[in-house]
Protein backbone atom coordinates (compact mmCIF):
# COMPACT_ATOMS: atom_id res chain seq x y z
CA MET A 1 39.70 -24.19 28.23
CA THR A 2 37.44 -23.07 31.09
CA THR A 3 34.24 -25.02 31.73
CA ALA A 4 31.67 -24.54 34.46
CA PRO A 5 31.14 -27.05 37.27
CA LEU A 6 27.97 -29.10 37.21
CA VAL A 7 24.99 -28.80 39.56
CA GLN A 8 22.95 -31.92 40.23
CA LEU A 9 19.22 -31.79 39.44
CA ALA A 10 16.47 -33.82 41.07
CA SER A 11 15.91 -35.53 37.70
CA GLY A 12 19.32 -37.18 38.05
CA HIS A 13 20.87 -35.05 35.32
CA SER A 14 23.31 -32.18 35.82
CA ILE A 15 23.31 -28.57 34.64
CA PRO A 16 26.47 -26.46 34.07
CA GLN A 17 26.47 -23.65 36.62
CA ILE A 18 27.18 -20.93 34.06
CA GLY A 19 25.24 -20.85 30.82
CA LEU A 20 24.79 -18.47 27.92
CA GLY A 21 21.65 -16.37 27.83
CA THR A 22 20.55 -15.55 24.29
CA TRP A 23 17.85 -12.87 24.57
CA PRO A 24 17.52 -10.59 22.55
CA LEU A 25 19.78 -12.07 19.85
CA ASP A 26 18.22 -12.84 16.48
CA ASP A 27 18.90 -16.09 14.64
CA ALA A 28 22.01 -14.85 12.83
CA GLN A 29 23.49 -13.31 15.97
CA ALA A 30 22.62 -16.35 18.06
CA ALA A 31 24.34 -18.71 15.63
CA ASP A 32 27.56 -16.68 15.79
CA VAL A 33 27.53 -16.15 19.56
CA VAL A 34 26.58 -19.73 20.44
CA ALA A 35 29.32 -21.14 18.21
CA LYS A 36 31.86 -18.78 19.82
CA ALA A 37 30.66 -19.54 23.34
CA LEU A 38 30.88 -23.28 22.78
CA ASP A 39 34.40 -22.84 21.43
CA LEU A 40 35.32 -20.97 24.62
CA GLY A 41 34.05 -23.78 26.84
CA TYR A 42 30.37 -23.03 27.46
CA ARG A 43 28.28 -26.19 27.61
CA HIS A 44 24.91 -24.70 28.59
CA ILE A 45 22.77 -22.58 26.25
CA ASP A 46 19.46 -20.95 27.23
CA THR A 47 16.84 -19.90 24.69
CA ALA A 48 13.05 -19.65 24.43
CA GLU A 49 10.25 -19.74 21.91
CA ASN A 50 9.58 -16.07 22.62
CA TYR A 51 13.17 -15.07 21.82
CA GLY A 52 12.68 -16.10 18.20
CA ASN A 53 16.22 -17.48 17.97
CA GLU A 54 15.92 -21.24 18.54
CA ALA A 55 16.93 -21.95 14.94
CA GLY A 56 20.02 -19.78 15.38
CA VAL A 57 20.95 -21.56 18.59
CA GLY A 58 20.68 -24.87 16.77
CA GLU A 59 22.86 -23.56 13.93
CA GLY A 60 25.48 -22.44 16.46
CA LEU A 61 25.48 -25.91 17.99
CA ARG A 62 26.01 -27.51 14.59
CA ARG A 63 28.81 -25.08 13.71
CA SER A 64 30.60 -25.97 16.94
CA GLY A 65 31.04 -29.58 15.89
CA LEU A 66 30.25 -30.73 19.42
CA ALA A 67 28.18 -33.83 20.01
CA ARG A 68 24.58 -33.16 21.06
CA GLY A 69 25.18 -34.90 24.39
CA ASP A 70 27.98 -32.49 25.27
CA VAL A 71 25.71 -29.40 25.37
CA PHE A 72 22.88 -28.68 27.82
CA ILE A 73 20.06 -26.93 25.95
CA THR A 74 17.19 -25.15 27.69
CA THR A 75 14.19 -23.63 26.00
CA LYS A 76 10.80 -22.33 27.17
CA PHE A 77 7.28 -22.18 25.77
CA ASN A 78 4.54 -19.57 25.74
CA ARG A 79 1.10 -19.57 27.31
CA GLU A 80 -0.76 -20.63 24.17
CA TRP A 81 0.62 -24.14 24.80
CA HIS A 82 -0.58 -24.42 28.41
CA SER A 83 -2.36 -27.76 28.06
CA VAL A 84 -1.17 -31.37 28.08
CA ASP A 85 -1.44 -31.69 24.31
CA GLY A 86 -0.25 -28.12 23.79
CA VAL A 87 3.03 -28.79 25.59
CA HIS A 88 3.67 -31.71 23.26
CA THR A 89 3.14 -29.41 20.28
CA ALA A 90 5.45 -26.83 21.84
CA TRP A 91 8.10 -29.53 22.22
CA GLU A 92 7.71 -30.62 18.60
CA ASN A 93 8.13 -27.01 17.46
CA ALA A 94 11.18 -26.46 19.66
CA VAL A 95 13.12 -29.56 18.64
CA ARG A 96 12.34 -28.87 14.98
CA ARG A 97 13.64 -25.30 15.19
CA LEU A 98 16.70 -26.34 17.22
CA GLY A 99 17.39 -29.36 15.03
CA VAL A 100 17.72 -31.73 18.00
CA GLU A 101 15.94 -34.89 19.12
CA TYR A 102 15.47 -34.06 22.80
CA LEU A 103 15.69 -31.14 25.23
CA ASP A 104 17.82 -31.10 28.35
CA LEU A 105 15.45 -28.69 30.11
CA PHE A 106 12.01 -27.48 29.07
CA LEU A 107 10.42 -24.66 31.04
CA ILE A 108 7.01 -23.03 31.39
CA HIS A 109 8.14 -19.49 30.61
CA TRP A 110 5.56 -17.62 32.72
CA PRO A 111 2.74 -18.84 34.98
CA ASN A 112 0.17 -16.45 33.49
CA PRO A 113 -2.13 -16.90 36.51
CA SER A 114 -4.98 -14.98 34.89
CA GLN A 115 -5.15 -17.72 32.25
CA ASP A 116 -4.92 -20.34 35.04
CA THR A 117 -3.68 -23.24 32.91
CA TYR A 118 -0.12 -23.65 34.13
CA LEU A 119 -1.01 -26.82 36.06
CA ALA A 120 -2.09 -28.47 32.80
CA ALA A 121 1.18 -27.31 31.26
CA TRP A 122 3.07 -28.94 34.13
CA GLU A 123 1.18 -32.19 33.60
CA GLY A 124 2.21 -32.00 29.95
CA LEU A 125 5.85 -31.61 30.95
CA LEU A 126 5.63 -34.61 33.27
CA LYS A 127 4.33 -36.66 30.35
CA LEU A 128 7.15 -35.49 28.06
CA ARG A 129 9.74 -36.42 30.67
CA ALA A 130 8.19 -39.86 31.16
CA GLU A 131 8.40 -40.36 27.39
CA GLY A 132 12.10 -39.41 27.32
CA LYS A 133 11.54 -36.36 25.14
CA VAL A 134 12.96 -34.04 27.78
CA ARG A 135 15.49 -34.91 30.47
CA SER A 136 14.56 -32.29 33.05
CA ILE A 137 11.56 -30.01 33.47
CA GLY A 138 10.93 -26.78 35.23
CA VAL A 139 9.44 -23.35 35.41
CA SER A 140 10.44 -19.74 34.92
CA ASN A 141 9.17 -16.75 36.87
CA PHE A 142 7.23 -18.99 39.27
CA PHE A 143 6.81 -17.66 42.81
CA PRO A 144 6.36 -20.12 45.71
CA ALA A 145 2.55 -20.06 45.49
CA HIS A 146 2.71 -21.03 41.81
CA SER A 147 5.19 -23.85 42.38
CA ALA A 148 3.36 -25.08 45.49
CA ARG A 149 0.25 -25.61 43.40
CA LEU A 150 2.17 -27.85 41.00
CA ILE A 151 3.73 -29.81 43.84
CA ASP A 152 0.45 -30.23 45.73
CA ALA A 153 -1.35 -31.45 42.62
CA THR A 154 1.28 -33.82 41.21
CA GLY A 155 3.74 -34.56 44.00
CA VAL A 156 6.58 -33.48 41.70
CA ALA A 157 8.61 -30.31 42.16
CA PRO A 158 10.31 -28.52 39.26
CA ASP A 159 13.92 -29.48 38.61
CA VAL A 160 14.67 -25.79 37.97
CA ASP A 161 13.00 -22.45 38.68
CA GLN A 162 14.46 -19.67 36.56
CA LEU A 163 14.04 -16.31 38.30
CA GLN A 164 15.17 -12.73 37.81
CA ILE A 165 17.91 -12.65 40.43
CA SER A 166 20.88 -10.37 41.05
CA PRO A 167 22.09 -8.35 44.04
CA TYR A 168 19.27 -5.94 43.07
CA TRP A 169 16.71 -8.80 43.27
CA VAL A 170 18.01 -11.22 45.91
CA LYS A 171 14.74 -13.16 46.49
CA HIS A 172 15.82 -15.01 49.63
CA ASP A 173 12.33 -16.40 50.31
CA MET A 174 11.88 -17.80 46.81
CA ARG A 175 15.32 -19.38 46.84
CA ALA A 176 14.67 -20.92 50.25
CA PHE A 177 11.37 -22.39 49.03
CA ASN A 178 13.14 -23.93 46.05
CA ILE A 179 15.90 -25.40 48.20
CA GLY A 180 13.28 -26.91 50.47
CA HIS A 181 11.70 -28.72 47.52
CA GLY A 182 14.89 -29.85 45.78
CA THR A 183 14.53 -27.27 43.01
CA VAL A 184 17.65 -25.58 41.64
CA THR A 185 17.29 -21.82 41.28
CA GLU A 186 18.64 -20.35 38.05
CA SER A 187 19.31 -16.62 37.71
CA TYR A 188 18.43 -14.70 34.59
CA THR A 189 19.52 -11.07 34.19
CA PRO A 190 22.24 -12.09 36.70
CA ILE A 191 24.31 -8.93 36.35
CA GLY A 192 21.31 -6.62 36.23
CA ARG A 193 19.93 -4.56 33.39
CA GLY A 194 22.35 -2.06 31.91
CA ASN A 195 25.52 -1.32 33.87
CA ASP A 196 24.17 0.33 37.03
CA LEU A 197 24.81 -2.74 39.18
CA LEU A 198 28.38 -3.06 37.94
CA ALA A 199 29.09 0.51 39.06
CA GLU A 200 27.85 0.00 42.62
CA PRO A 201 30.65 0.75 45.14
CA ALA A 202 30.25 -2.63 46.86
CA VAL A 203 30.64 -4.43 43.54
CA VAL A 204 33.58 -2.33 42.38
CA ALA A 205 35.36 -2.78 45.72
CA ALA A 206 34.97 -6.55 45.64
CA ALA A 207 36.15 -6.73 42.04
CA GLU A 208 39.26 -4.68 42.85
CA ALA A 209 39.99 -6.78 45.93
CA HIS A 210 40.03 -9.98 43.89
CA GLY A 211 41.55 -8.64 40.68
CA VAL A 212 38.46 -9.42 38.59
CA THR A 213 35.86 -7.42 36.67
CA PRO A 214 32.66 -6.21 38.38
CA GLY A 215 30.71 -8.65 36.22
CA GLN A 216 32.86 -11.55 37.39
CA ALA A 217 32.39 -10.50 41.01
CA VAL A 218 28.60 -10.50 40.60
CA LEU A 219 28.58 -13.87 38.84
CA ARG A 220 30.68 -15.30 41.68
CA TRP A 221 28.00 -14.01 44.08
CA HIS A 222 25.57 -16.28 42.22
CA THR A 223 27.73 -19.36 41.86
CA GLN A 224 29.15 -19.24 45.38
CA GLN A 225 25.61 -19.46 46.73
CA GLY A 226 24.70 -22.45 44.57
CA LEU A 227 22.74 -20.53 41.96
CA VAL A 228 23.01 -21.30 38.25
CA ALA A 229 23.50 -18.13 36.18
CA ILE A 230 22.93 -17.40 32.49
CA PRO A 231 24.62 -14.11 31.61
CA LYS A 232 24.23 -12.84 28.07
CA SER A 233 27.03 -11.27 26.07
CA SER A 234 27.98 -11.20 22.42
CA HIS A 235 31.48 -9.83 23.10
CA PRO A 236 34.18 -12.56 22.96
CA GLU A 237 36.24 -11.13 25.84
CA ARG A 238 33.22 -10.79 28.14
CA LEU A 239 32.00 -14.24 27.14
CA ALA A 240 35.30 -15.65 28.34
CA GLN A 241 35.25 -13.56 31.52
CA ASN A 242 31.71 -14.62 32.39
CA LEU A 243 32.76 -18.27 32.35
CA ASP A 244 35.95 -17.67 34.34
CA VAL A 245 34.46 -16.97 37.79
CA PHE A 246 35.53 -19.97 39.85
CA GLY A 247 39.10 -19.04 40.76
CA PHE A 248 38.26 -16.82 43.74
CA ASP A 249 35.78 -16.61 46.63
CA LEU A 250 33.95 -13.55 47.88
CA THR A 251 34.14 -12.99 51.62
CA ALA A 252 31.05 -13.23 53.81
CA GLU A 253 31.26 -9.45 54.20
CA GLU A 254 31.33 -8.92 50.45
CA ILE A 255 28.33 -11.18 49.93
CA ALA A 256 26.46 -9.27 52.65
CA ALA A 257 27.33 -5.97 50.96
CA PHE A 258 25.96 -7.30 47.67
CA ASN A 259 22.80 -8.49 49.42
CA ALA A 260 22.34 -5.03 50.90
CA LEU A 261 21.66 -3.75 47.37
CA ASP A 262 18.40 -5.71 47.31
CA GLY A 263 15.50 -3.52 46.20
CA THR A 264 17.65 -0.54 45.25
CA GLY A 265 17.70 -1.17 41.49
CA PRO A 266 15.05 -1.18 38.77
CA GLU A 267 11.80 -2.98 39.44
CA ALA A 268 11.78 -6.69 38.61
CA ALA A 269 9.22 -8.23 36.29
CA ASP A 270 6.02 -9.30 38.07
CA PRO A 271 4.66 -12.68 36.90
CA GLU A 272 1.30 -11.89 38.47
CA SER A 273 0.75 -9.21 35.85
CA PHE A 274 3.21 -9.99 33.03
CA GLY A 275 3.69 -13.06 30.87
CA HIS A 276 3.48 -14.51 27.39
C-alpha cells in the first residue's frame, strides 16, 4: 500500500503530503470516494463547510474502519462565523457533521477583506487550539498582506496556507512569505482546472521521460518543492496514481519548464473580490 510522506507543521503535528480533495462531491459520493481512498492508502482528507459534504466524509471514514487518529482531517468555515464565538460554533457544526471529536486542521476558508473580520476568526482559532479542539490551524486563500496582519496582531503564523497553486499559478512570492514564517503551503486545484495543464508539451514530455502520467508529473512538481497537494478524483485508478508520485524526481530543467507556464492558464480566484 502506498502512503504519502509526512510534512512537519509548526504546531508540532504532521500532515500527509498528498491528500484527497473532495469538492464538488455530494455526501453520497464523498462517502464512497473517501472510503476507497482510505483503502488505497490516503491518510489525509480535505473538506469544507461550503462543500456540503462533511457528513459524507465522516461516513467514508467510518466505513474505512480506520482509527480516527490514523486520518488527518481538514475542514474550513465560511465568513458568517468570523468572530471568536462564531468560530467555536463553526467547530461544533463541523465535528457534528463529520462525527469526530476533534479536527486535525481548521481553516478560515477566505479572508473576505470587505467584511474585515478575519482577525477575529483567527483569534477564535487560536482559542480552539489552546482548548485542544483542533490540533493545527490555518488559512485558505490568504495572500501575504492578509497573513501578515494575523501575525502582527497575535504573534502566531498559520500552520498552513491553502492556495490555488499549479504550474499555471506558481505564486513564488506567496510561497516564499509562508516559508519565511514557518507556514506550510498547501496546493488546491494542483493539476489545474480541466485537462489543459495535463496536455501542455512540457508536462507531457516530463511524464514520458519518467514513465508516469501527466497528472503524476504535475503532482511531483508540487511534492518535490515541499508543497502539500490535495488532488480530487473519484476514479479508483487515478486515485491510486495521484498517491503514487514519490518514486521519481523531476530534473531542474523540467521544474523550470513547468514554472514557465505560470500565468498562461485560466485566471486564478481572487480573494480580494471573492469569498464565502
